[in-house]
Amino acid sequence: MHYIPVHTQPYYQQLGFRWGDFPEAEKYYRSAMSLPLYFGLTEADQDRIVMSLRKILL
C-alpha cells in the first residue's frame, strides 16, 4: 500500500498525532489497494495482476 495516513508517520507521531485522530483517513487506509502501474509493465505482468485480483475478489 503506498498511501499511509500522514498523521501515522513517525514525524507526526512525535508531534502528538495518534491513530484514531482521523478515522476517515484510517478507514480509507484499511480499505484501499494500490495496483502496480508503471511504464515498463509488460502485458504478461498485467495478465498476472488481473489473474491475482480475480483469485482474491471472485
PDB file of N, CA and C in Angstrom:
ATOM      1  N   MET A   1       0.836  -1.158   0.000  1.00  0.00           N
ATOM      2  CA  MET A   1       0.000   0.000   0.000  1.00  0.00           C
ATOM      3  C   MET A   1       0.889   1.232   0.000  1.00  0.00           C
ATOM      4  N   HIS A   2       0.650   2.121  -0.906  1.00  0.00           N
ATOM      5  CA  HIS A   2       1.513   3.302  -0.937  1.00  0.00           C
ATOM      6  C   HIS A   2       0.934   4.483  -0.161  1.00  0.00           C
ATOM      7  N   TYR A   3      -0.358   4.427   0.170  1.00  0.00           N
ATOM      8  CA  TYR A   3      -0.936   5.526   0.937  1.00  0.00           C
ATOM      9  C   TYR A   3      -0.945   5.150   2.413  1.00  0.00           C
ATOM     10  N   ILE A   4      -0.277   5.914   3.205  1.00  0.00           N
ATOM     11  CA  ILE A   4      -0.296   5.742   4.652  1.00  0.00           C
ATOM     12  C   ILE A   4      -0.689   7.095   5.231  1.00  0.00           C
ATOM     13  N   PRO A   5      -1.707   7.138   6.092  1.00  0.00           N
ATOM     14  CA  PRO A   5      -2.140   8.432   6.613  1.00  0.00           C
ATOM     15  C   PRO A   5      -0.978   9.235   7.197  1.00  0.00           C
ATOM     16  N   VAL A   6      -0.922  10.492   6.850  1.00  0.00           N
ATOM     17  CA  VAL A   6       0.188  11.358   7.255  1.00  0.00           C
ATOM     18  C   VAL A   6       0.358  11.377   8.769  1.00  0.00           C
ATOM     19  N   HIS A   7      -0.741  11.411   9.492  1.00  0.00           N
ATOM     20  CA  HIS A   7      -0.638  11.528  10.949  1.00  0.00           C
ATOM     21  C   HIS A   7      -0.054  10.274  11.612  1.00  0.00           C
ATOM     22  N   THR A   8       0.115   9.204  10.847  1.00  0.00           N
ATOM     23  CA  THR A   8       0.697   7.982  11.415  1.00  0.00           C
ATOM     24  C   THR A   8       2.191   7.868  11.126  1.00  0.00           C
ATOM     25  N   GLN A   9       2.729   8.813  10.384  1.00  0.00           N
ATOM     26  CA  GLN A   9       4.159   8.820  10.095  1.00  0.00           C
ATOM     27  C   GLN A   9       4.930   9.197  11.372  1.00  0.00           C
ATOM     28  N   PRO A  10       6.131   8.642  11.537  1.00  0.00           N
ATOM     29  CA  PRO A  10       6.903   8.900  12.763  1.00  0.00           C
ATOM     30  C   PRO A  10       7.052  10.382  13.114  1.00  0.00           C
ATOM     31  N   TYR A  11       7.307  11.224  12.123  1.00  0.00           N
ATOM     32  CA  TYR A  11       7.480  12.652  12.394  1.00  0.00           C
ATOM     33  C   TYR A  11       6.236  13.228  13.078  1.00  0.00           C
ATOM     34  N   TYR A  12       5.062  12.906  12.531  1.00  0.00           N
ATOM     35  CA  TYR A  12       3.824  13.448  13.078  1.00  0.00           C
ATOM     36  C   TYR A  12       3.439  12.778  14.397  1.00  0.00           C
ATOM     37  N   GLN A  13       3.845  11.534  14.565  1.00  0.00           N
ATOM     38  CA  GLN A  13       3.624  10.862  15.849  1.00  0.00           C
ATOM     39  C   GLN A  13       4.401  11.601  16.949  1.00  0.00           C
ATOM     40  N   GLN A  14       5.618  12.076  16.612  1.00  0.00           N
ATOM     41  CA  GLN A  14       6.415  12.831  17.583  1.00  0.00           C
ATOM     42  C   GLN A  14       5.750  14.162  17.941  1.00  0.00           C
ATOM     43  N   LEU A  15       4.921  14.672  17.036  1.00  0.00           N
ATOM     44  CA  LEU A  15       4.210  15.925  17.288  1.00  0.00           C
ATOM     45  C   LEU A  15       2.932  15.699  18.097  1.00  0.00           C
ATOM     46  N   GLY A  16       2.615  14.431  18.368  1.00  0.00           N
ATOM     47  CA  GLY A  16       1.458  14.140  19.203  1.00  0.00           C
ATOM     48  C   GLY A  16       0.254  13.562  18.491  1.00  0.00           C
ATOM     49  N   PHE A  17       0.338  13.428  17.165  1.00  0.00           N
ATOM     50  CA  PHE A  17      -0.776  12.816  16.443  1.00  0.00           C
ATOM     51  C   PHE A  17      -0.794  11.320  16.725  1.00  0.00           C
ATOM     52  N   ARG A  18      -1.982  10.739  16.789  1.00  0.00           N
ATOM     53  CA  ARG A  18      -2.131   9.324  17.114  1.00  0.00           C
ATOM     54  C   ARG A  18      -3.161   8.664  16.205  1.00  0.00           C
ATOM     55  N   TRP A  19      -3.073   7.328  16.140  1.00  0.00           N
ATOM     56  CA  TRP A  19      -4.118   6.556  15.470  1.00  0.00           C
ATOM     57  C   TRP A  19      -5.431   6.898  16.159  1.00  0.00           C
ATOM     58  N   GLY A  20      -6.460   7.084  15.368  1.00  0.00           N
ATOM     59  CA  GLY A  20      -7.766   7.443  15.908  1.00  0.00           C
ATOM     60  C   GLY A  20      -8.076   8.921  15.764  1.00  0.00           C
ATOM     61  N   ASP A  21      -7.070   9.732  15.496  1.00  0.00           N
ATOM     62  CA  ASP A  21      -7.286  11.175  15.348  1.00  0.00           C
ATOM     63  C   ASP A  21      -8.061  11.514  14.073  1.00  0.00           C
ATOM     64  N   PHE A  22      -7.869  10.729  13.031  1.00  0.00           N
ATOM     65  CA  PHE A  22      -8.516  10.977  11.736  1.00  0.00           C
ATOM     66  C   PHE A  22      -9.132   9.672  11.238  1.00  0.00           C
ATOM     67  N   PRO A  23     -10.280   9.295  11.778  1.00  0.00           N
ATOM     68  CA  PRO A  23     -10.860   7.988  11.472  1.00  0.00           C
ATOM     69  C   PRO A  23     -11.193   7.759   9.997  1.00  0.00           C
ATOM     70  N   GLU A  24     -11.578   8.786   9.279  1.00  0.00           N
ATOM     71  CA  GLU A  24     -11.902   8.593   7.857  1.00  0.00           C
ATOM     72  C   GLU A  24     -10.645   8.280   7.043  1.00  0.00           C
ATOM     73  N   ALA A  25      -9.548   8.948   7.333  1.00  0.00           N
ATOM     74  CA  ALA A  25      -8.284   8.650   6.648  1.00  0.00           C
ATOM     75  C   ALA A  25      -7.832   7.224   6.974  1.00  0.00           C
ATOM     76  N   GLU A  26      -8.022   6.816   8.213  1.00  0.00           N
ATOM     77  CA  GLU A  26      -7.633   5.471   8.627  1.00  0.00           C
ATOM     78  C   GLU A  26      -8.537   4.417   8.001  1.00  0.00           C
ATOM     79  N   LYS A  27      -9.808   4.722   7.859  1.00  0.00           N
ATOM     80  CA  LYS A  27     -10.747   3.813   7.191  1.00  0.00           C
ATOM     81  C   LYS A  27     -10.340   3.613   5.730  1.00  0.00           C
ATOM     82  N   TYR A  28     -10.008   4.711   5.071  1.00  0.00           N
ATOM     83  CA  TYR A  28      -9.553   4.622   3.681  1.00  0.00           C
ATOM     84  C   TYR A  28      -8.282   3.779   3.592  1.00  0.00           C
ATOM     85  N   TYR A  29      -7.352   3.999   4.485  1.00  0.00           N
ATOM     86  CA  TYR A  29      -6.092   3.262   4.519  1.00  0.00           C
ATOM     87  C   TYR A  29      -6.330   1.754   4.640  1.00  0.00           C
ATOM     88  N   ARG A  30      -7.280   1.366   5.465  1.00  0.00           N
ATOM     89  CA  ARG A  30      -7.556  -0.057   5.667  1.00  0.00           C
ATOM     90  C   ARG A  30      -8.251  -0.698   4.476  1.00  0.00           C
ATOM     91  N   SER A  31      -8.909   0.103   3.635  1.00  0.00           N
ATOM     92  CA  SER A  31      -9.697  -0.483   2.556  1.00  0.00           C
ATOM     93  C   SER A  31      -9.121  -0.268   1.155  1.00  0.00           C
ATOM     94  N   ALA A  32      -8.174   0.630   0.999  1.00  0.00           N
ATOM     95  CA  ALA A  32      -7.626   0.939  -0.324  1.00  0.00           C
ATOM     96  C   ALA A  32      -6.585  -0.093  -0.751  1.00  0.00           C
ATOM     97  N   MET A  33      -6.426  -0.207  -2.047  1.00  0.00           N
ATOM     98  CA  MET A  33      -5.445  -1.128  -2.595  1.00  0.00           C
ATOM     99  C   MET A  33      -4.696  -0.413  -3.725  1.00  0.00           C
ATOM    100  N   SER A  34      -3.393  -0.536  -3.740  1.00  0.00           N
ATOM    101  CA  SER A  34      -2.589   0.047  -4.810  1.00  0.00           C
ATOM    102  C   SER A  34      -2.246  -1.044  -5.818  1.00  0.00           C
ATOM    103  N   LEU A  35      -2.423  -0.730  -7.072  1.00  0.00           N
ATOM    104  CA  LEU A  35      -2.079  -1.677  -8.130  1.00  0.00           C
ATOM    105  C   LEU A  35      -0.793  -1.223  -8.814  1.00  0.00           C
ATOM    106  N   PRO A  36       0.009  -2.168  -9.258  1.00  0.00           N
ATOM    107  CA  PRO A  36       1.228  -1.797  -9.981  1.00  0.00           C
ATOM    108  C   PRO A  36       0.875  -1.033 -11.263  1.00  0.00           C
ATOM    109  N   LEU A  37       1.538   0.056 -11.471  1.00  0.00           N
ATOM    110  CA  LEU A  37       1.305   0.857 -12.660  1.00  0.00           C
ATOM    111  C   LEU A  37       2.581   1.628 -12.965  1.00  0.00           C
ATOM    112  N   TYR A  38       3.234   1.240 -14.025  1.00  0.00           N
ATOM    113  CA  TYR A  38       4.458   1.931 -14.423  1.00  0.00           C
ATOM    114  C   TYR A  38       4.725   1.667 -15.894  1.00  0.00           C
ATOM    115  N   PHE A  39       5.565   2.468 -16.486  1.00  0.00           N
ATOM    116  CA  PHE A  39       5.810   2.448 -17.929  1.00  0.00           C
ATOM    117  C   PHE A  39       6.239   1.080 -18.440  1.00  0.00           C
ATOM    118  N   GLY A  40       7.103   0.387 -17.720  1.00  0.00           N
ATOM    119  CA  GLY A  40       7.656  -0.879 -18.187  1.00  0.00           C
ATOM    120  C   GLY A  40       6.804  -2.105 -17.895  1.00  0.00           C
ATOM    121  N   LEU A  41       5.575  -1.916 -17.444  1.00  0.00           N
ATOM    122  CA  LEU A  41       4.698  -3.043 -17.124  1.00  0.00           C
ATOM    123  C   LEU A  41       4.364  -3.801 -18.408  1.00  0.00           C
ATOM    124  N   THR A  42       4.753  -5.053 -18.461  1.00  0.00           N
ATOM    125  CA  THR A  42       4.522  -5.840 -19.674  1.00  0.00           C
ATOM    126  C   THR A  42       3.103  -6.390 -19.696  1.00  0.00           C
ATOM    127  N   GLU A  43       2.696  -6.853 -20.850  1.00  0.00           N
ATOM    128  CA  GLU A  43       1.374  -7.466 -20.961  1.00  0.00           C
ATOM    129  C   GLU A  43       1.281  -8.714 -20.089  1.00  0.00           C
ATOM    130  N   ALA A  44       2.368  -9.470 -19.994  1.00  0.00           N
ATOM    131  CA  ALA A  44       2.397 -10.652 -19.127  1.00  0.00           C
ATOM    132  C   ALA A  44       2.225 -10.247 -17.663  1.00  0.00           C
ATOM    133  N   ASP A  45       2.872  -9.144 -17.264  1.00  0.00           N
ATOM    134  CA  ASP A  45       2.707  -8.635 -15.906  1.00  0.00           C
ATOM    135  C   ASP A  45       1.249  -8.243 -15.657  1.00  0.00           C
ATOM    136  N   GLN A  46       0.660  -7.580 -16.630  1.00  0.00           N
ATOM    137  CA  GLN A  46      -0.735  -7.169 -16.499  1.00  0.00           C
ATOM    138  C   GLN A  46      -1.642  -8.386 -16.337  1.00  0.00           C
ATOM    139  N   ASP A  47      -1.395  -9.411 -17.135  1.00  0.00           N
ATOM    140  CA  ASP A  47      -2.195 -10.632 -17.037  1.00  0.00           C
ATOM    141  C   ASP A  47      -2.061 -11.260 -15.651  1.00  0.00           C
ATOM    142  N   ARG A  48      -0.852 -11.292 -15.133  1.00  0.00           N
ATOM    143  CA  ARG A  48      -0.618 -11.870 -13.805  1.00  0.00           C
ATOM    144  C   ARG A  48      -1.350 -11.060 -12.726  1.00  0.00           C
ATOM    145  N   ILE A  49      -1.338  -9.752 -12.852  1.00  0.00           N
ATOM    146  CA  ILE A  49      -2.031  -8.890 -11.894  1.00  0.00           C
ATOM    147  C   ILE A  49      -3.535  -9.132 -11.950  1.00  0.00           C
ATOM    148  N   VAL A  50      -4.069  -9.177 -13.151  1.00  0.00           N
ATOM    149  CA  VAL A  50      -5.512  -9.400 -13.318  1.00  0.00           C
ATOM    150  C   VAL A  50      -5.907 -10.765 -12.750  1.00  0.00           C
ATOM    151  N   MET A  51      -5.129 -11.790 -13.031  1.00  0.00           N
ATOM    152  CA  MET A  51      -5.446 -13.121 -12.510  1.00  0.00           C
ATOM    153  C   MET A  51      -5.375 -13.140 -10.991  1.00  0.00           C
ATOM    154  N   SER A  52      -4.422 -12.478 -10.424  1.00  0.00           N
ATOM    155  CA  SER A  52      -4.293 -12.414  -8.960  1.00  0.00           C
ATOM    156  C   SER A  52      -5.510 -11.707  -8.353  1.00  0.00           C
ATOM    157  N   LEU A  53      -5.936 -10.612  -8.977  1.00  0.00           N
ATOM    158  CA  LEU A  53      -7.109  -9.905  -8.483  1.00  0.00           C
ATOM    159  C   LEU A  53      -8.358 -10.770  -8.590  1.00  0.00           C
ATOM    160  N   ARG A  54      -8.478 -11.492  -9.678  1.00  0.00           N
ATOM    161  CA  ARG A  54      -9.645 -12.370  -9.833  1.00  0.00           C
ATOM    162  C   ARG A  54      -9.692 -13.427  -8.742  1.00  0.00           C
ATOM    163  N   LYS A  55      -8.542 -13.990  -8.404  1.00  0.00           N
ATOM    164  CA  LYS A  55      -8.491 -15.004  -7.344  1.00  0.00           C
ATOM    165  C   LYS A  55      -8.926 -14.408  -6.000  1.00  0.00           C
ATOM    166  N   ILE A  56      -8.515 -13.184  -5.755  1.00  0.00           N
ATOM    167  CA  ILE A  56      -8.827 -12.529  -4.483  1.00  0.00           C
ATOM    168  C   ILE A  56     -10.282 -12.071  -4.419  1.00  0.00           C
ATOM    169  N   LEU A  57     -10.783 -11.496  -5.512  1.00  0.00           N
ATOM    170  CA  LEU A  57     -12.080 -10.844  -5.487  1.00  0.00           C
ATOM    171  C   LEU A  57     -13.263 -11.729  -5.886  1.00  0.00           C
ATOM    172  N   LEU A  58     -13.002 -12.796  -6.591  1.00  0.00           N
ATOM    173  CA  LEU A  58     -14.141 -13.621  -7.064  1.00  0.00           C
ATOM    174  C   LEU A  58     -14.298 -14.882  -6.272  1.00  0.00           C
TER     175      LEU A  58
END
